[in-house]
Each structure stands twice: as structure tokens, then as C-alpha cells.
Amino acid sequence: MRVPRIYHPFAENSEQPQLQQGQALDLSDEAANHVGRVLRMSAGQPLELFTGDGYDYAAVITDASKKKVSIKVQGVRKNSRESALKIHLGQGISRGDRMDFVLQKSVELGVASITPLFTERCGVKLNGERLQKKQQQWQKIVISACEQSGRSVIPTVHTPVPLTTWLAELTPALRLTLDPYAQKPLRQQTLSNEHLQLLIGPEGGLTDHEVSAAAAADFQPVQLGPRVLRTETAALTALSVVQYQFGDLADTSIQE
């Protein structure tokens, strides 16, 4: 039977293990609710914790109720599932559950960070408290995707910003955006380091003005074939191809 993976948050960031073998602790309220109420786990059962520090922690439940779960760490292991390719996805915000779907699947495909983008054809209006709640919801989706996919470094969902703001704040990297009419296919691109930024437009695509702004910010248009893809399909197809060409999607070695 598969051992459940549970996220236990820590306030501080660290490249060193945040938990130690033999350490006893109580799970966070949210994690305890999931373990005690949803999974109905009990004392003596194993689980695996991750805190976002890149390590997996084998643990056993020492006490469990619907409101409180106590565990003891039995082992610490560096997680080797992170891609060496650091992909920052700039995703035009789409309506309904399409944005949730893109976030979830992009995490499974190894994205390192995500910035939701307000664009001229974006049909979603978010501001103030609603914007803050939506960002928190998106971050929870990312955490759940890490639980499912076996990742132990949690991609950051940055605060949504207008496309022009995002373009002005980017650090150096290979920058790509999709265009079915581009002359150069993605497979002809070369990567000089591990950093890559990918821009995907919303439903309806980017406007001519936005395409020009992206080009001025050194985003290179590439095509993945002759067909026009929906925004959620475009993001996941591009991430798959990029990970296959530059990352670890073609790696046939077994991850331990």
C-alpha cells in the first residue's frame, strides 16, 4: 500500500533538513485534519512528510485524533525528483477551472515558479481580498500536486501582475512564447544555462501589442506544430517538450 505524503509547513526556508531523525512533533492543523479526518489514519501507521526543503521524512504516527496528530520522524532522505531545469511559467489567467488545471499539471511537469498574468484579453477580474484568496487557493493546488507527484520543493505562485510588469521584472534566461506561425520550431532552440521563462497567453491569445512587448523583452516565438492550441493545452505541451529537450523527461533512470 502506498504511504501517504503529507505537507507540513515551516516558516523558515532552509537548504538543510528541517526535521531530524527521532524528532517528535504535532502536525499542522490542516495536515492533522487530512490525516485524522479524511484518511482516518491511526497510531502505528507510516506516512511521509515534506516541508518544502527538498527532503522527504519517513515518519510513524504516535497518536491520532480528528483534531490532533502526533508523529515521530524515522528517516531523512534527499528528494531527487526536482528537475535541473528552472522553468518560470508566465500564464495568462483563464476562467473557470482551467487555471487550476494548468497549475496542477505544470507542477507535475517540473515547473519551478508560476506567475499568473493579467492580459488584455483576460476575462477574469481579481483585486483586493479576492485576489489574495485566489493566490492562496492556487498555492494550495500546487502543494497538493507536489504531494501527488512526489516533489518536495514547492513551486511559488507569485502574486498576479499585468503582463507588462512581469516582462519588466524578469531576470536573464532563455525566453520562449508560442506562436503557430513562427518560423523556428522549439527543437531548434539552444539553452545556455538552466533558466528558462515560458510565456503562455490566455483564452483568445495575446494581442498584437502584447506580442510586440514580449518580442521587445527578448521572448522568442516558437511553434509546436501547425495547430492552434487552447491555453491549457499550450502550457502543458510546451512544458513537456521543454522538459524532454532540455530537462529530465527523457531520463530513463529510476528515481529512488
Protein backbone atom coordinates (compact mmCIF):
# COMPACT_ATOMS: atom_id res chain seq x y z
CA MET A 1 0.00 0.00 0.00
CA ARG A 2 1.27 3.45 -0.90
CA VAL A 3 2.39 5.53 2.06
CA PRO A 4 0.54 8.91 2.13
CA ARG A 5 2.68 12.01 1.52
CA ILE A 6 1.75 14.93 3.78
CA TYR A 7 2.88 18.56 3.64
CA HIS A 8 3.91 20.02 6.99
CA PRO A 9 4.79 23.72 6.57
CA PHE A 10 7.73 25.51 8.13
CA ALA A 11 8.01 29.30 8.33
CA GLU A 12 11.71 29.46 7.55
CA ASN A 13 13.45 28.47 4.33
CA SER A 14 16.50 26.23 4.52
CA GLU A 15 18.65 24.11 2.25
CA GLN A 16 19.34 21.82 5.21
CA PRO A 17 16.85 19.26 6.58
CA GLN A 18 14.31 21.00 8.77
CA LEU A 19 13.48 17.81 10.66
CA GLN A 20 15.79 15.27 12.26
CA GLN A 21 15.59 11.52 12.74
CA GLY A 22 13.95 10.74 16.08
CA GLN A 23 12.24 14.13 16.29
CA ALA A 24 8.66 14.14 17.60
CA LEU A 25 6.13 16.81 16.60
CA ASP A 26 2.47 17.59 16.07
CA LEU A 27 1.28 18.07 12.53
CA SER A 28 -0.16 21.40 11.44
CA ASP A 29 -3.92 21.78 11.82
CA GLU A 30 -4.54 21.31 8.09
CA ALA A 31 -2.28 18.26 7.86
CA ALA A 32 -3.80 16.77 11.02
CA ASN A 33 -7.30 17.24 9.63
CA HIS A 34 -6.34 15.44 6.44
CA VAL A 35 -4.62 12.58 8.26
CA GLY A 36 -7.14 12.20 11.10
CA ARG A 37 -10.47 13.05 9.45
CA VAL A 38 -10.02 12.38 5.73
CA LEU A 39 -7.60 9.45 5.70
CA ARG A 40 -8.68 8.20 9.14
CA MET A 41 -5.17 7.05 9.95
CA SER A 42 -4.27 5.80 13.42
CA ALA A 43 -1.26 5.32 15.69
CA GLY A 44 1.39 2.99 14.29
CA GLN A 45 0.70 3.77 10.64
CA PRO A 46 3.51 5.17 8.43
CA LEU A 47 3.44 8.37 6.42
CA GLU A 48 5.93 10.56 4.57
CA LEU A 49 6.30 14.25 5.36
CA PHE A 50 7.75 17.03 3.24
CA THR A 51 8.23 20.64 4.28
CA GLY A 52 9.36 22.25 1.02
CA ASP A 53 13.08 21.96 1.82
CA GLY A 54 13.79 19.24 -0.74
CA TYR A 55 13.84 16.36 1.75
CA ASP A 56 11.43 13.51 2.45
CA TYR A 57 10.84 12.42 6.03
CA ALA A 58 9.69 8.87 6.80
CA ALA A 59 7.54 9.02 9.91
CA VAL A 60 5.15 7.00 12.01
CA ILE A 61 2.02 8.22 13.75
CA THR A 62 2.33 8.04 17.54
CA ASP A 63 -1.10 9.47 18.38
CA ALA A 64 -4.08 10.44 16.25
CA SER A 65 -7.47 12.01 16.72
CA LYS A 66 -9.71 14.10 14.48
CA LYS A 67 -8.10 17.32 15.75
CA LYS A 68 -4.51 16.38 16.58
CA VAL A 69 -1.95 14.04 15.06
CA SER A 70 1.49 13.42 16.57
CA ILE A 71 4.31 11.75 14.64
CA LYS A 72 7.93 10.68 15.07
CA VAL A 73 10.50 11.06 12.29
CA GLN A 74 12.18 7.77 11.45
CA GLY A 75 14.32 8.72 8.48
CA VAL A 76 15.55 11.65 6.35
CA ARG A 77 16.20 11.40 2.62
CA LYS A 78 17.10 13.95 -0.05
CA ASN A 79 14.43 14.03 -2.74
CA SER A 80 15.91 13.58 -6.23
CA ARG A 81 12.79 14.34 -8.27
CA GLU A 82 13.49 18.04 -8.95
CA SER A 83 14.38 19.00 -12.50
CA ALA A 84 17.70 20.72 -13.06
CA LEU A 85 15.81 22.98 -15.48
CA LYS A 86 14.43 26.07 -13.70
CA ILE A 87 11.26 26.97 -15.57
CA HIS A 88 9.33 30.13 -14.72
CA LEU A 89 5.86 29.95 -16.29
CA GLY A 90 4.06 33.20 -17.05
CA GLN A 91 0.47 32.07 -17.60
CA GLY A 92 -2.34 34.28 -18.81
CA ILE A 93 -5.20 33.87 -16.33
CA SER A 94 -8.11 31.87 -17.72
CA ARG A 95 -11.67 31.37 -16.50
CA GLY A 96 -13.19 28.53 -14.51
CA ASP A 97 -11.07 25.56 -13.52
CA ARG A 98 -8.71 25.86 -16.48
CA MET A 99 -6.20 27.88 -14.49
CA ASP A 100 -6.35 25.33 -11.66
CA PHE A 101 -5.69 22.57 -14.18
CA VAL A 102 -2.66 24.33 -15.65
CA LEU A 103 -1.18 24.94 -12.20
CA GLN A 104 -1.65 21.33 -11.13
CA LYS A 105 -0.22 19.79 -14.28
CA SER A 106 2.65 22.25 -14.61
CA VAL A 107 3.82 21.20 -11.14
CA GLU A 108 3.71 17.55 -12.25
CA LEU A 109 5.87 18.55 -15.22
CA GLY A 110 8.51 20.16 -13.01
CA VAL A 111 7.88 23.90 -13.23
CA ALA A 112 9.88 25.91 -10.67
CA SER A 113 7.66 29.01 -10.34
CA ILE A 114 4.47 30.44 -11.80
CA THR A 115 3.24 33.99 -12.30
CA PRO A 116 -0.44 34.38 -13.23
CA LEU A 117 -0.72 37.24 -15.71
CA PHE A 118 -3.40 39.84 -16.37
CA THR A 119 -3.52 40.40 -20.12
CA GLU A 120 -5.68 42.48 -22.44
CA ARG A 121 -7.91 39.52 -23.27
CA CYS A 122 -8.03 38.17 -19.73
CA GLY A 123 -11.68 37.73 -18.76
CA VAL A 124 -11.01 37.34 -15.02
CA LYS A 125 -11.22 40.31 -12.65
CA LEU A 126 -9.32 39.93 -9.38
CA ASN A 127 -8.33 42.56 -6.84
CA GLY A 128 -8.00 43.16 -3.12
CA GLU A 129 -9.13 40.36 -0.83
CA ARG A 130 -10.44 38.27 -3.70
CA LEU A 131 -7.02 38.35 -5.37
CA GLN A 132 -5.31 37.33 -2.12
CA LYS A 133 -7.71 34.41 -1.59
CA LYS A 134 -7.28 33.25 -5.17
CA GLN A 135 -3.49 33.26 -4.86
CA GLN A 136 -3.75 31.23 -1.64
CA GLN A 137 -6.07 28.78 -3.39
CA TRP A 138 -3.63 28.41 -6.27
CA GLN A 139 -0.75 27.79 -3.85
CA LYS A 140 -2.76 25.01 -2.16
CA ILE A 141 -3.33 23.41 -5.56
CA VAL A 142 0.43 23.48 -6.12
CA ILE A 143 1.09 21.87 -2.73
CA SER A 144 -1.45 19.12 -3.45
CA ALA A 145 0.22 18.50 -6.81
CA CYS A 146 3.57 18.13 -5.01
CA GLU A 147 2.02 15.57 -2.66
CA GLN A 148 0.73 13.59 -5.63
CA SER A 149 3.78 13.84 -7.89
CA GLY A 150 6.43 13.16 -5.24
CA ARG A 151 8.07 16.59 -5.29
CA SER A 152 9.50 18.08 -2.07
CA VAL A 153 10.34 21.59 -3.32
CA ILE A 154 7.17 23.64 -3.66
CA PRO A 155 6.91 25.96 -6.68
CA THR A 156 5.91 29.51 -5.78
CA VAL A 157 2.74 31.01 -7.20
CA HIS A 158 3.69 34.68 -7.42
CA THR A 159 1.21 37.50 -7.00
CA PRO A 160 -0.67 38.01 -10.28
CA VAL A 161 0.58 41.04 -12.20
CA PRO A 162 -0.04 42.69 -15.57
CA LEU A 163 2.00 41.21 -18.40
CA THR A 164 3.96 44.42 -18.89
CA THR A 165 5.02 44.41 -15.23
CA TRP A 166 6.18 40.79 -15.45
CA LEU A 167 8.19 41.47 -18.61
CA ALA A 168 9.99 44.37 -16.94
CA GLU A 169 10.98 42.40 -13.83
CA LEU A 170 12.40 39.21 -15.34
CA THR A 171 15.95 38.02 -14.73
CA PRO A 172 18.18 36.73 -17.58
CA ALA A 173 17.06 33.43 -19.12
CA LEU A 174 16.08 31.78 -22.38
CA ARG A 175 12.65 33.27 -23.09
CA LEU A 176 10.09 31.49 -25.22
CA THR A 177 6.49 32.07 -26.25
CA LEU A 178 4.30 30.00 -28.54
CA ASP A 179 3.22 31.07 -32.00
CA PRO A 180 1.78 28.56 -34.52
CA TYR A 181 3.07 30.80 -37.32
CA ALA A 182 6.62 31.13 -36.00
CA GLN A 183 9.38 30.16 -38.43
CA LYS A 184 11.53 28.39 -35.83
CA PRO A 185 10.38 25.19 -34.08
CA LEU A 186 11.16 24.75 -30.40
CA ARG A 187 13.53 21.86 -31.11
CA GLN A 188 15.96 24.28 -32.78
CA GLN A 189 16.39 26.35 -29.62
CA THR A 190 19.55 26.02 -27.52
CA LEU A 191 19.86 26.51 -23.78
CA SER A 192 22.99 28.12 -22.32
CA ASN A 193 22.06 27.58 -18.63
CA GLU A 194 19.30 26.00 -16.57
CA HIS A 195 16.98 29.03 -16.56
CA LEU A 196 14.02 29.26 -18.93
CA GLN A 197 10.98 31.54 -18.98
CA LEU A 198 7.85 30.48 -20.83
CA LEU A 199 5.03 32.88 -21.71
CA ILE A 200 1.58 31.45 -22.45
CA GLY A 201 -1.33 33.68 -23.39
CA PRO A 202 -4.91 33.44 -22.07
CA GLU A 203 -8.04 32.31 -23.86
CA GLY A 204 -8.10 34.32 -27.07
CA GLY A 205 -4.32 34.64 -27.06
CA LEU A 206 -2.10 37.69 -26.77
CA THR A 207 -2.89 40.88 -28.64
CA ASP A 208 -0.55 42.27 -31.30
CA HIS A 209 0.60 44.89 -28.79
CA GLU A 210 1.42 42.20 -26.21
CA VAL A 211 3.23 40.10 -28.79
CA SER A 212 5.36 43.14 -29.66
CA ALA A 213 6.05 43.82 -25.98
CA ALA A 214 7.15 40.22 -25.47
CA ALA A 215 9.42 40.42 -28.51
CA ALA A 216 10.95 43.63 -27.15
CA ALA A 217 11.67 41.72 -23.92
CA ASP A 218 13.59 39.08 -25.93
CA PHE A 219 10.88 36.43 -25.96
CA GLN A 220 11.44 34.24 -28.99
CA PRO A 221 8.35 32.88 -30.77
CA VAL A 222 8.44 29.14 -31.39
CA GLN A 223 5.92 26.73 -32.82
CA LEU A 224 4.96 23.25 -31.69
CA GLY A 225 3.17 22.28 -34.86
CA PRO A 226 0.58 23.64 -37.26
CA ARG A 227 -2.44 23.58 -34.93
CA VAL A 228 -3.68 26.34 -32.63
CA LEU A 229 -3.78 25.03 -29.04
CA ARG A 230 -6.04 26.07 -26.19
CA THR A 231 -4.27 27.95 -23.41
CA GLU A 232 -4.18 24.98 -21.02
CA THR A 233 -3.05 22.61 -23.78
CA ALA A 234 -0.38 25.05 -24.93
CA ALA A 235 1.19 25.36 -21.48
CA LEU A 236 1.37 21.64 -20.82
CA THR A 237 2.54 20.75 -24.32
CA ALA A 238 5.30 23.37 -24.18
CA LEU A 239 6.42 22.24 -20.72
CA SER A 240 6.51 18.62 -21.86
CA VAL A 241 8.59 19.42 -24.93
CA VAL A 242 10.94 21.70 -22.99
CA GLN A 243 11.47 19.09 -20.28
CA TYR A 244 12.06 16.42 -22.93
CA GLN A 245 14.56 18.55 -24.85
CA PHE A 246 16.40 20.30 -22.02
CA GLY A 247 15.24 18.66 -18.78
CA ASP A 248 14.66 15.22 -17.33
CA LEU A 249 11.52 13.95 -19.07
CA ALA A 250 13.62 11.68 -21.27
CA ASP A 251 15.67 10.40 -18.33
CA THR A 252 15.05 6.66 -18.08
CA SER A 253 16.93 6.21 -14.81
CA ILE A 254 14.83 5.12 -11.85
CA GLN A 255 14.35 7.76 -9.17
CA GLU A 256 14.99 6.39 -5.68
